[in-house]
Each structure stands twice: as structure tokens, then as C-alpha cells.
Amino acid sequence: AQSVSLALDNPDAEAKFAATYGSL
């Protein structure tokens, strides 16, 4: 639940996700 929340709502997490997984 926290992973989903962070991945969707936290700008730092979104940027790290994008850097790691690209366009997925």
C-alpha cells in the first residue's frame, strides 16, 4: 500500500521510478 502511494503521489519517488524503469 505504501509502495503504491509513494509511486503515485511522491515526486521524488516518481522521478526515481522513471529513472529506473523508463517508460514502463
mmCIF file of all heavy atoms, coordinates in Angstrom:
data_MODEL
# 
_entry.id   MODEL 
# 
loop_
_atom_site.group_PDB 
_atom_site.id 
_atom_site.type_symbol 
_atom_site.label_atom_id 
_atom_site.label_alt_id 
_atom_site.label_comp_id 
_atom_site.label_asym_id 
_atom_site.label_entity_id 
_atom_site.label_seq_id 
_atom_site.pdbx_PDB_ins_code 
_atom_site.Cartn_x 
_atom_site.Cartn_y 
_atom_site.Cartn_z 
_atom_site.occupancy 
_atom_site.B_iso_or_equiv 
_atom_site.pdbx_formal_charge 
_atom_site.auth_seq_id 
_atom_site.auth_comp_id 
_atom_site.auth_asym_id 
_atom_site.auth_atom_id 
_atom_site.pdbx_PDB_model_num 
ATOM 1   N N   . ALA A 1 1  ? 0.825  -1.209 0.000   1.00 0.00 ? 1  ALA A N   1 
ATOM 2   C CA  . ALA A 1 1  ? 0.000  0.000  0.000   1.00 0.00 ? 1  ALA A CA  1 
ATOM 3   C C   . ALA A 1 1  ? 0.859  1.259  0.000   1.00 0.00 ? 1  ALA A C   1 
ATOM 4   O O   . ALA A 1 1  ? 0.590  2.209  -0.740  1.00 0.00 ? 1  ALA A O   1 
ATOM 5   C CB  . ALA A 1 1  ? -0.944 -0.003 1.209   1.00 0.00 ? 1  ALA A CB  1 
ATOM 6   N N   . GLN A 1 2  ? 1.910  1.275  0.821   1.00 0.00 ? 2  GLN A N   1 
ATOM 7   C CA  . GLN A 1 2  ? 2.769  2.451  0.847   1.00 0.00 ? 2  GLN A CA  1 
ATOM 8   C C   . GLN A 1 2  ? 3.553  2.573  -0.456  1.00 0.00 ? 2  GLN A C   1 
ATOM 9   O O   . GLN A 1 2  ? 3.805  3.679  -0.922  1.00 0.00 ? 2  GLN A O   1 
ATOM 10  C CB  . GLN A 1 2  ? 3.703  2.406  2.054   1.00 0.00 ? 2  GLN A CB  1 
ATOM 11  C CG  . GLN A 1 2  ? 2.956  2.705  3.330   1.00 0.00 ? 2  GLN A CG  1 
ATOM 12  C CD  . GLN A 1 2  ? 3.880  2.999  4.489   1.00 0.00 ? 2  GLN A CD  1 
ATOM 13  O OE1 . GLN A 1 2  ? 5.093  3.056  4.363   1.00 0.00 ? 2  GLN A OE1 1 
ATOM 14  N NE2 . GLN A 1 2  ? 3.293  3.196  5.648   1.00 0.00 ? 2  GLN A NE2 1 
ATOM 15  N N   . SER A 1 3  ? 3.934  1.452  -1.039  1.00 0.00 ? 3  SER A N   1 
ATOM 16  C CA  . SER A 1 3  ? 4.648  1.492  -2.315  1.00 0.00 ? 3  SER A CA  1 
ATOM 17  C C   . SER A 1 3  ? 3.795  2.132  -3.391  1.00 0.00 ? 3  SER A C   1 
ATOM 18  O O   . SER A 1 3  ? 4.249  2.998  -4.139  1.00 0.00 ? 3  SER A O   1 
ATOM 19  C CB  . SER A 1 3  ? 5.051  0.076  -2.752  1.00 0.00 ? 3  SER A CB  1 
ATOM 20  O OG  . SER A 1 3  ? 5.954  -0.482 -1.849  1.00 0.00 ? 3  SER A OG  1 
ATOM 21  N N   . VAL A 1 4  ? 2.556  1.705  -3.472  1.00 0.00 ? 4  VAL A N   1 
ATOM 22  C CA  . VAL A 1 4  ? 1.650  2.269  -4.473  1.00 0.00 ? 4  VAL A CA  1 
ATOM 23  C C   . VAL A 1 4  ? 1.456  3.755  -4.214  1.00 0.00 ? 4  VAL A C   1 
ATOM 24  O O   . VAL A 1 4  ? 1.516  4.579  -5.134  1.00 0.00 ? 4  VAL A O   1 
ATOM 25  C CB  . VAL A 1 4  ? 0.302  1.511  -4.475  1.00 0.00 ? 4  VAL A CB  1 
ATOM 26  C CG1 . VAL A 1 4  ? -0.734 2.238  -5.309  1.00 0.00 ? 4  VAL A CG1 1 
ATOM 27  C CG2 . VAL A 1 4  ? 0.502  0.087  -4.975  1.00 0.00 ? 4  VAL A CG2 1 
ATOM 28  N N   . SER A 1 5  ? 1.243  4.119  -2.962  1.00 0.00 ? 5  SER A N   1 
ATOM 29  C CA  . SER A 1 5  ? 1.042  5.524  -2.619  1.00 0.00 ? 5  SER A CA  1 
ATOM 30  C C   . SER A 1 5  ? 2.258  6.365  -2.988  1.00 0.00 ? 5  SER A C   1 
ATOM 31  O O   . SER A 1 5  ? 2.133  7.432  -3.601  1.00 0.00 ? 5  SER A O   1 
ATOM 32  C CB  . SER A 1 5  ? 0.740  5.650  -1.129  1.00 0.00 ? 5  SER A CB  1 
ATOM 33  O OG  . SER A 1 5  ? 0.579  6.996  -0.777  1.00 0.00 ? 5  SER A OG  1 
ATOM 34  N N   . LEU A 1 6  ? 3.433  5.895  -2.624  1.00 0.00 ? 6  LEU A N   1 
ATOM 35  C CA  . LEU A 1 6  ? 4.644  6.651  -2.939  1.00 0.00 ? 6  LEU A CA  1 
ATOM 36  C C   . LEU A 1 6  ? 4.870  6.722  -4.444  1.00 0.00 ? 6  LEU A C   1 
ATOM 37  O O   . LEU A 1 6  ? 5.240  7.768  -4.979  1.00 0.00 ? 6  LEU A O   1 
ATOM 38  C CB  . LEU A 1 6  ? 5.867  6.024  -2.257  1.00 0.00 ? 6  LEU A CB  1 
ATOM 39  C CG  . LEU A 1 6  ? 6.029  6.348  -0.784  1.00 0.00 ? 6  LEU A CG  1 
ATOM 40  C CD1 . LEU A 1 6  ? 7.074  5.440  -0.154  1.00 0.00 ? 6  LEU A CD1 1 
ATOM 41  C CD2 . LEU A 1 6  ? 6.428  7.800  -0.594  1.00 0.00 ? 6  LEU A CD2 1 
ATOM 42  N N   . ALA A 1 7  ? 4.667  5.614  -5.130  1.00 0.00 ? 7  ALA A N   1 
ATOM 43  C CA  . ALA A 1 7  ? 4.903  5.587  -6.572  1.00 0.00 ? 7  ALA A CA  1 
ATOM 44  C C   . ALA A 1 7  ? 3.955  6.519  -7.314  1.00 0.00 ? 7  ALA A C   1 
ATOM 45  O O   . ALA A 1 7  ? 4.313  7.083  -8.351  1.00 0.00 ? 7  ALA A O   1 
ATOM 46  C CB  . ALA A 1 7  ? 4.766  4.166  -7.102  1.00 0.00 ? 7  ALA A CB  1 
ATOM 47  N N   . LEU A 1 8  ? 2.761  6.711  -6.792  1.00 0.00 ? 8  LEU A N   1 
ATOM 48  C CA  . LEU A 1 8  ? 1.778  7.527  -7.493  1.00 0.00 ? 8  LEU A CA  1 
ATOM 49  C C   . LEU A 1 8  ? 1.743  8.985  -7.031  1.00 0.00 ? 8  LEU A C   1 
ATOM 50  O O   . LEU A 1 8  ? 1.363  9.856  -7.798  1.00 0.00 ? 8  LEU A O   1 
ATOM 51  C CB  . LEU A 1 8  ? 0.376  6.918  -7.318  1.00 0.00 ? 8  LEU A CB  1 
ATOM 52  C CG  . LEU A 1 8  ? 0.179  5.539  -7.932  1.00 0.00 ? 8  LEU A CG  1 
ATOM 53  C CD1 . LEU A 1 8  ? -1.206 5.020  -7.607  1.00 0.00 ? 8  LEU A CD1 1 
ATOM 54  C CD2 . LEU A 1 8  ? 0.405  5.570  -9.433  1.00 0.00 ? 8  LEU A CD2 1 
ATOM 55  N N   . ASP A 1 9  ? 2.133  9.236  -5.777  1.00 0.00 ? 9  ASP A N   1 
ATOM 56  C CA  . ASP A 1 9  ? 1.908  10.563 -5.208  1.00 0.00 ? 9  ASP A CA  1 
ATOM 57  C C   . ASP A 1 9  ? 3.153  11.342 -4.799  1.00 0.00 ? 9  ASP A C   1 
ATOM 58  O O   . ASP A 1 9  ? 3.044  12.503 -4.431  1.00 0.00 ? 9  ASP A O   1 
ATOM 59  C CB  . ASP A 1 9  ? 1.002  10.456 -3.973  1.00 0.00 ? 9  ASP A CB  1 
ATOM 60  C CG  . ASP A 1 9  ? -0.368 9.908  -4.313  1.00 0.00 ? 9  ASP A CG  1 
ATOM 61  O OD1 . ASP A 1 9  ? -0.832 10.120 -5.443  1.00 0.00 ? 9  ASP A OD1 1 
ATOM 62  O OD2 . ASP A 1 9  ? -0.973 9.253  -3.441  1.00 0.00 ? 9  ASP A OD2 1 
ATOM 63  N N   . ASN A 1 10 ? 4.321  10.749 -4.820  1.00 0.00 ? 10 ASN A N   1 
ATOM 64  C CA  . ASN A 1 10 ? 5.515  11.425 -4.340  1.00 0.00 ? 10 ASN A CA  1 
ATOM 65  C C   . ASN A 1 10 ? 6.410  11.797 -5.519  1.00 0.00 ? 10 ASN A C   1 
ATOM 66  O O   . ASN A 1 10 ? 6.862  10.914 -6.246  1.00 0.00 ? 10 ASN A O   1 
ATOM 67  C CB  . ASN A 1 10 ? 6.262  10.511 -3.364  1.00 0.00 ? 10 ASN A CB  1 
ATOM 68  C CG  . ASN A 1 10 ? 7.479  11.164 -2.774  1.00 0.00 ? 10 ASN A CG  1 
ATOM 69  O OD1 . ASN A 1 10 ? 8.466  11.360 -3.462  1.00 0.00 ? 10 ASN A OD1 1 
ATOM 70  N ND2 . ASN A 1 10 ? 7.408  11.475 -1.493  1.00 0.00 ? 10 ASN A ND2 1 
ATOM 71  N N   . PRO A 1 11 ? 6.693  13.080 -5.725  1.00 0.00 ? 11 PRO A N   1 
ATOM 72  C CA  . PRO A 1 11 ? 7.503  13.494 -6.876  1.00 0.00 ? 11 PRO A CA  1 
ATOM 73  C C   . PRO A 1 11 ? 8.897  12.852 -6.908  1.00 0.00 ? 11 PRO A C   1 
ATOM 74  O O   . PRO A 1 11 ? 9.374  12.465 -7.974  1.00 0.00 ? 11 PRO A O   1 
ATOM 75  C CB  . PRO A 1 11 ? 7.614  15.011 -6.723  1.00 0.00 ? 11 PRO A CB  1 
ATOM 76  C CG  . PRO A 1 11 ? 6.503  15.404 -5.818  1.00 0.00 ? 11 PRO A CG  1 
ATOM 77  C CD  . PRO A 1 11 ? 6.226  14.223 -4.948  1.00 0.00 ? 11 PRO A CD  1 
ATOM 78  N N   . ASP A 1 12 ? 9.546  12.712 -5.750  1.00 0.00 ? 12 ASP A N   1 
ATOM 79  C CA  . ASP A 1 12 ? 10.863 12.071 -5.713  1.00 0.00 ? 12 ASP A CA  1 
ATOM 80  C C   . ASP A 1 12 ? 10.766 10.612 -6.126  1.00 0.00 ? 12 ASP A C   1 
ATOM 81  O O   . ASP A 1 12 ? 11.602 10.096 -6.870  1.00 0.00 ? 12 ASP A O   1 
ATOM 82  C CB  . ASP A 1 12 ? 11.479 12.156 -4.316  1.00 0.00 ? 12 ASP A CB  1 
ATOM 83  C CG  . ASP A 1 12 ? 11.895 13.564 -3.928  1.00 0.00 ? 12 ASP A CG  1 
ATOM 84  O OD1 . ASP A 1 12 ? 12.058 14.419 -4.836  1.00 0.00 ? 12 ASP A OD1 1 
ATOM 85  O OD2 . ASP A 1 12 ? 12.044 13.822 -2.724  1.00 0.00 ? 12 ASP A OD2 1 
ATOM 86  N N   . ALA A 1 13 ? 9.737  9.928  -5.626  1.00 0.00 ? 13 ALA A N   1 
ATOM 87  C CA  . ALA A 1 13 ? 9.554  8.527  -5.961  1.00 0.00 ? 13 ALA A CA  1 
ATOM 88  C C   . ALA A 1 13 ? 9.216  8.366  -7.445  1.00 0.00 ? 13 ALA A C   1 
ATOM 89  O O   . ALA A 1 13 ? 9.707  7.447  -8.113  1.00 0.00 ? 13 ALA A O   1 
ATOM 90  C CB  . ALA A 1 13 ? 8.462  7.908  -5.098  1.00 0.00 ? 13 ALA A CB  1 
ATOM 91  N N   . GLU A 1 14 ? 8.383  9.241  -7.966  1.00 0.00 ? 14 GLU A N   1 
ATOM 92  C CA  . GLU A 1 14 ? 8.040  9.181  -9.390  1.00 0.00 ? 14 GLU A CA  1 
ATOM 93  C C   . GLU A 1 14 ? 9.283  9.361  -10.247 1.00 0.00 ? 14 GLU A C   1 
ATOM 94  O O   . GLU A 1 14 ? 9.478  8.650  -11.245 1.00 0.00 ? 14 GLU A O   1 
ATOM 95  C CB  . GLU A 1 14 ? 7.008  10.252 -9.727  1.00 0.00 ? 14 GLU A CB  1 
ATOM 96  C CG  . GLU A 1 14 ? 5.624  9.980  -9.174  1.00 0.00 ? 14 GLU A CG  1 
ATOM 97  C CD  . GLU A 1 14 ? 4.641  11.092 -9.506  1.00 0.00 ? 14 GLU A CD  1 
ATOM 98  O OE1 . GLU A 1 14 ? 4.710  11.663 -10.607 1.00 0.00 ? 14 GLU A OE1 1 
ATOM 99  O OE2 . GLU A 1 14 ? 3.800  11.390 -8.633  1.00 0.00 ? 14 GLU A OE2 1 
ATOM 100 N N   . ALA A 1 15 ? 10.143 10.284 -9.870  1.00 0.00 ? 15 ALA A N   1 
ATOM 101 C CA  . ALA A 1 15 ? 11.366 10.528 -10.637 1.00 0.00 ? 15 ALA A CA  1 
ATOM 102 C C   . ALA A 1 15 ? 12.304 9.329  -10.564 1.00 0.00 ? 15 ALA A C   1 
ATOM 103 O O   . ALA A 1 15 ? 12.893 8.919  -11.580 1.00 0.00 ? 15 ALA A O   1 
ATOM 104 C CB  . ALA A 1 15 ? 12.067 11.782 -10.118 1.00 0.00 ? 15 ALA A CB  1 
ATOM 105 N N   . LYS A 1 16 ? 12.451 8.733  -9.381  1.00 0.00 ? 16 LYS A N   1 
ATOM 106 C CA  . LYS A 1 16 ? 13.318 7.554  -9.232  1.00 0.00 ? 16 LYS A CA  1 
ATOM 107 C C   . LYS A 1 16 ? 12.749 6.387  -10.034 1.00 0.00 ? 16 LYS A C   1 
ATOM 108 O O   . LYS A 1 16 ? 13.473 5.655  -10.692 1.00 0.00 ? 16 LYS A O   1 
ATOM 109 C CB  . LYS A 1 16 ? 13.484 7.166  -7.764  1.00 0.00 ? 16 LYS A CB  1 
ATOM 110 C CG  . LYS A 1 16 ? 14.502 6.051  -7.565  1.00 0.00 ? 16 LYS A CG  1 
ATOM 111 C CD  . LYS A 1 16 ? 14.824 5.852  -6.106  1.00 0.00 ? 16 LYS A CD  1 
ATOM 112 C CE  . LYS A 1 16 ? 15.946 4.873  -5.886  1.00 0.00 ? 16 LYS A CE  1 
ATOM 113 N NZ  . LYS A 1 16 ? 15.708 3.520  -6.259  1.00 0.00 ? 16 LYS A NZ  1 
ATOM 114 N N   . PHE A 1 17 ? 11.439 6.199  -9.998  1.00 0.00 ? 17 PHE A N   1 
ATOM 115 C CA  . PHE A 1 17 ? 10.798 5.130  -10.758 1.00 0.00 ? 17 PHE A CA  1 
ATOM 116 C C   . PHE A 1 17 ? 11.053 5.328  -12.248 1.00 0.00 ? 17 PHE A C   1 
ATOM 117 O O   . PHE A 1 17 ? 11.434 4.403  -12.958 1.00 0.00 ? 17 PHE A O   1 
ATOM 118 C CB  . PHE A 1 17 ? 9.291  5.099  -10.470 1.00 0.00 ? 17 PHE A CB  1 
ATOM 119 C CG  . PHE A 1 17 ? 8.565  3.994  -11.186 1.00 0.00 ? 17 PHE A CG  1 
ATOM 120 C CD1 . PHE A 1 17 ? 8.442  2.747  -10.596 1.00 0.00 ? 17 PHE A CD1 1 
ATOM 121 C CD2 . PHE A 1 17 ? 8.013  4.193  -12.445 1.00 0.00 ? 17 PHE A CD2 1 
ATOM 122 C CE1 . PHE A 1 17 ? 7.784  1.727  -11.257 1.00 0.00 ? 17 PHE A CE1 1 
ATOM 123 C CE2 . PHE A 1 17 ? 7.354  3.179  -13.111 1.00 0.00 ? 17 PHE A CE2 1 
ATOM 124 C CZ  . PHE A 1 17 ? 7.236  1.938  -12.511 1.00 0.00 ? 17 PHE A CZ  1 
ATOM 125 N N   . ALA A 1 18 ? 10.856 6.548  -12.729 1.00 0.00 ? 18 ALA A N   1 
ATOM 126 C CA  . ALA A 1 18 ? 11.069 6.842  -14.148 1.00 0.00 ? 18 ALA A CA  1 
ATOM 127 C C   . ALA A 1 18 ? 12.526 6.600  -14.546 1.00 0.00 ? 18 ALA A C   1 
ATOM 128 O O   . ALA A 1 18 ? 12.804 6.070  -15.626 1.00 0.00 ? 18 ALA A O   1 
ATOM 129 C CB  . ALA A 1 18 ? 10.660 8.276  -14.456 1.00 0.00 ? 18 ALA A CB  1 
ATOM 130 N N   . ALA A 1 19 ? 13.457 6.969  -13.690 1.00 0.00 ? 19 ALA A N   1 
ATOM 131 C CA  . ALA A 1 19 ? 14.877 6.757  -13.993 1.00 0.00 ? 19 ALA A CA  1 
ATOM 132 C C   . ALA A 1 19 ? 15.212 5.272  -14.032 1.00 0.00 ? 19 ALA A C   1 
ATOM 133 O O   . ALA A 1 19 ? 16.046 4.833  -14.823 1.00 0.00 ? 19 ALA A O   1 
ATOM 134 C CB  . ALA A 1 19 ? 15.739 7.465  -12.952 1.00 0.00 ? 19 ALA A CB  1 
ATOM 135 N N   . THR A 1 20 ? 14.564 4.490  -13.193 1.00 0.00 ? 20 THR A N   1 
ATOM 136 C CA  . THR A 1 20 ? 14.853 3.058  -13.125 1.00 0.00 ? 20 THR A CA  1 
ATOM 137 C C   . THR A 1 20 ? 14.131 2.275  -14.208 1.00 0.00 ? 20 THR A C   1 
ATOM 138 O O   . THR A 1 20 ? 14.709 1.386  -14.829 1.00 0.00 ? 20 THR A O   1 
ATOM 139 C CB  . THR A 1 20 ? 14.448 2.501  -11.734 1.00 0.00 ? 20 THR A CB  1 
ATOM 140 O OG1 . THR A 1 20 ? 15.142 3.237  -10.729 1.00 0.00 ? 20 THR A OG1 1 
ATOM 141 C CG2 . THR A 1 20 ? 14.785 1.018  -11.616 1.00 0.00 ? 20 THR A CG2 1 
ATOM 142 N N   . TYR A 1 21 ? 12.864 2.588  -14.459 1.00 0.00 ? 21 TYR A N   1 
ATOM 143 C CA  . TYR A 1 21 ? 12.042 1.769  -15.347 1.00 0.00 ? 21 TYR A CA  1 
ATOM 144 C C   . TYR A 1 21 ? 11.673 2.432  -16.669 1.00 0.00 ? 21 TYR A C   1 
ATOM 145 O O   . TYR A 1 21 ? 10.946 1.855  -17.467 1.00 0.00 ? 21 TYR A O   1 
ATOM 146 C CB  . TYR A 1 21 ? 10.765 1.332  -14.612 1.00 0.00 ? 21 TYR A CB  1 
ATOM 147 C CG  . TYR A 1 21 ? 11.074 0.454  -13.422 1.00 0.00 ? 21 TYR A CG  1 
ATOM 148 C CD1 . TYR A 1 21 ? 11.020 0.968  -12.130 1.00 0.00 ? 21 TYR A CD1 1 
ATOM 149 C CD2 . TYR A 1 21 ? 11.445 -0.870 -13.592 1.00 0.00 ? 21 TYR A CD2 1 
ATOM 150 C CE1 . TYR A 1 21 ? 11.322 0.177  -11.036 1.00 0.00 ? 21 TYR A CE1 1 
ATOM 151 C CE2 . TYR A 1 21 ? 11.748 -1.673 -12.509 1.00 0.00 ? 21 TYR A CE2 1 
ATOM 152 C CZ  . TYR A 1 21 ? 11.679 -1.137 -11.236 1.00 0.00 ? 21 TYR A CZ  1 
ATOM 153 O OH  . TYR A 1 21 ? 11.979 -1.921 -10.164 1.00 0.00 ? 21 TYR A OH  1 
ATOM 154 N N   . GLY A 1 22 ? 12.159 3.632  -16.887 1.00 0.00 ? 22 GLY A N   1 
ATOM 155 C CA  . GLY A 1 22 ? 11.914 4.294  -18.166 1.00 0.00 ? 22 GLY A CA  1 
ATOM 156 C C   . GLY A 1 22 ? 10.444 4.533  -18.427 1.00 0.00 ? 22 GLY A C   1 
ATOM 157 O O   . GLY A 1 22 ? 9.715  5.027  -17.576 1.00 0.00 ? 22 GLY A O   1 
ATOM 158 N N   . SER A 1 23 ? 10.007 4.150  -19.583 1.00 0.00 ? 23 SER A N   1 
ATOM 159 C CA  . SER A 1 23 ? 8.631  4.440  -19.991 1.00 0.00 ? 23 SER A CA  1 
ATOM 160 C C   . SER A 1 23 ? 7.628  3.385  -19.530 1.00 0.00 ? 23 SER A C   1 
ATOM 161 O O   . SER A 1 23 ? 6.437  3.511  -19.824 1.00 0.00 ? 23 SER A O   1 
ATOM 162 C CB  . SER A 1 23 ? 8.560  4.563  -21.517 1.00 0.00 ? 23 SER A CB  1 
ATOM 163 O OG  . SER A 1 23 ? 8.906  3.311  -22.108 1.00 0.00 ? 23 SER A OG  1 
ATOM 164 N N   . LEU A 1 24 ? 8.076  2.352  -18.820 1.00 0.00 ? 24 LEU A N   1 
ATOM 165 C CA  . LEU A 1 24 ? 7.140  1.343  -18.337 1.00 0.00 ? 24 LEU A CA  1 
ATOM 166 C C   . LEU A 1 24 ? 6.181  1.952  -17.318 1.00 0.00 ? 24 LEU A C   1 
ATOM 167 O O   . LEU A 1 24 ? 6.574  2.762  -16.491 1.00 0.00 ? 24 LEU A O   1 
ATOM 168 C CB  . LEU A 1 24 ? 7.883  0.180  -17.665 1.00 0.00 ? 24 LEU A CB  1 
ATOM 169 C CG  . LEU A 1 24 ? 8.762  -0.703 -18.539 1.00 0.00 ? 24 LEU A CG  1 
ATOM 170 C CD1 . LEU A 1 24 ? 9.470  -1.741 -17.680 1.00 0.00 ? 24 LEU A CD1 1 
ATOM 171 C CD2 . LEU A 1 24 ? 7.942  -1.385 -19.622 1.00 0.00 ? 24 LEU A CD2 1 
# 
